[in-house]
Protein backbone atom coordinates (compact mmCIF):
# COMPACT_ATOMS: atom_id res chain seq x y z
CA MET A 1 23.18 1.70 96.30
CA LYS A 2 21.97 0.19 99.52
CA ILE A 3 24.60 -1.46 101.70
CA LEU A 4 22.60 -4.70 101.71
CA ASP A 5 22.83 -4.73 97.89
CA LEU A 6 26.63 -4.92 98.10
CA PRO A 7 28.29 -8.33 98.25
CA LYS A 8 28.80 -9.23 101.89
CA PHE A 9 32.62 -9.11 101.57
CA ASN A 10 32.42 -5.57 100.18
CA ARG A 11 30.20 -4.05 102.88
CA PRO A 12 31.93 -1.47 105.09
CA ALA A 13 31.47 -3.40 108.34
CA SER A 14 32.77 -6.63 106.81
CA LYS A 15 35.77 -4.83 105.33
CA LEU A 16 36.47 -3.22 108.70
CA VAL A 17 36.47 -6.55 110.53
CA LYS A 18 38.46 -8.40 107.88
CA ASN A 19 40.99 -5.75 106.78
CA GLY A 20 40.96 -3.03 109.45
CA PRO A 21 39.99 0.65 109.28
CA GLU A 22 42.78 1.56 106.86
CA SER A 23 41.01 -0.49 104.17
CA LEU A 24 37.98 1.83 104.24
CA ASP A 25 37.55 5.19 102.57
CA SER A 26 36.08 8.16 104.43
CA ALA A 27 32.53 7.51 103.24
CA GLU A 28 32.66 3.90 104.39
CA LEU A 29 33.98 4.91 107.82
CA LEU A 30 31.26 7.55 108.17
CA SER A 31 28.61 5.03 107.14
CA ILE A 32 29.70 2.76 110.00
CA ILE A 33 29.44 5.68 112.43
CA PHE A 34 25.96 6.58 111.14
CA GLY A 35 24.84 2.95 111.13
CA ILE A 36 21.69 3.75 109.18
CA GLY A 37 20.72 6.30 106.58
CA GLY A 38 17.44 8.10 106.38
CA TYR A 39 14.77 9.40 104.05
CA GLY A 40 15.33 6.67 101.48
CA GLU A 41 19.12 6.68 101.35
CA SER A 42 21.60 4.28 102.90
CA ALA A 43 24.23 5.31 105.40
CA LEU A 44 26.81 4.97 102.62
CA GLU A 45 24.82 7.18 100.23
CA LEU A 46 24.36 9.74 102.99
CA SER A 47 28.08 9.67 103.78
CA ASN A 48 29.02 10.21 100.14
CA ARG A 49 26.57 13.09 99.82
CA LEU A 50 27.87 14.66 103.02
CA LEU A 51 31.47 14.38 101.80
CA LYS A 52 30.55 16.07 98.52
CA ASN A 53 29.43 19.11 100.50
CA TYR A 54 31.84 19.15 103.44
CA ASN A 55 35.38 18.03 104.16
CA LEU A 56 36.10 15.87 107.21
CA ASN A 57 37.15 18.85 109.34
CA GLU A 58 33.86 20.61 108.56
CA ILE A 59 31.86 17.46 109.32
CA GLU A 60 33.61 17.20 112.67
CA GLU A 61 32.43 20.72 113.51
CA LEU A 62 28.81 20.11 112.51
CA GLY A 63 26.34 19.54 115.30
CA ASN A 64 23.56 16.98 115.33
CA ARG A 65 21.04 19.62 114.25
CA GLU A 66 23.09 20.59 111.18
CA ILE A 67 23.51 16.98 110.12
CA LEU A 68 19.79 16.28 110.60
CA ASP A 69 18.95 19.40 108.58
CA PHE A 70 21.33 18.22 105.86
CA ILE A 71 19.61 14.82 105.74
CA LYS A 72 16.15 16.40 105.66
CA ASN A 73 17.12 18.88 102.92
CA LYS A 74 17.53 16.01 100.44
CA ARG A 75 14.00 14.91 101.17
CA LYS A 76 12.68 18.47 100.71
CA LEU A 77 14.49 18.77 97.36
CA GLU A 78 13.02 15.46 96.17
CA LEU A 79 9.51 16.60 97.10
CA GLN A 80 9.97 19.89 95.21
CA ILE A 81 11.08 18.05 92.07
CA MET A 82 8.06 15.69 92.14
């Protein structure tokens, strides 16, 4: 689901401003850090997918190249399925 499809009060940035960071789960916090998604997925979708594959300590150790490769791999898998 795209962030813009969420009700405004339920979007990560709105929740952060209104209720503070403790009101957000890890995926929502990551989505704020990412700001945007890529290759047809929102920052929140990307964050959830990343957290399904890595824990927060592993994500912290990933470099920009590994994260970009992770984002691109979804696109490659979609193209192979089509």
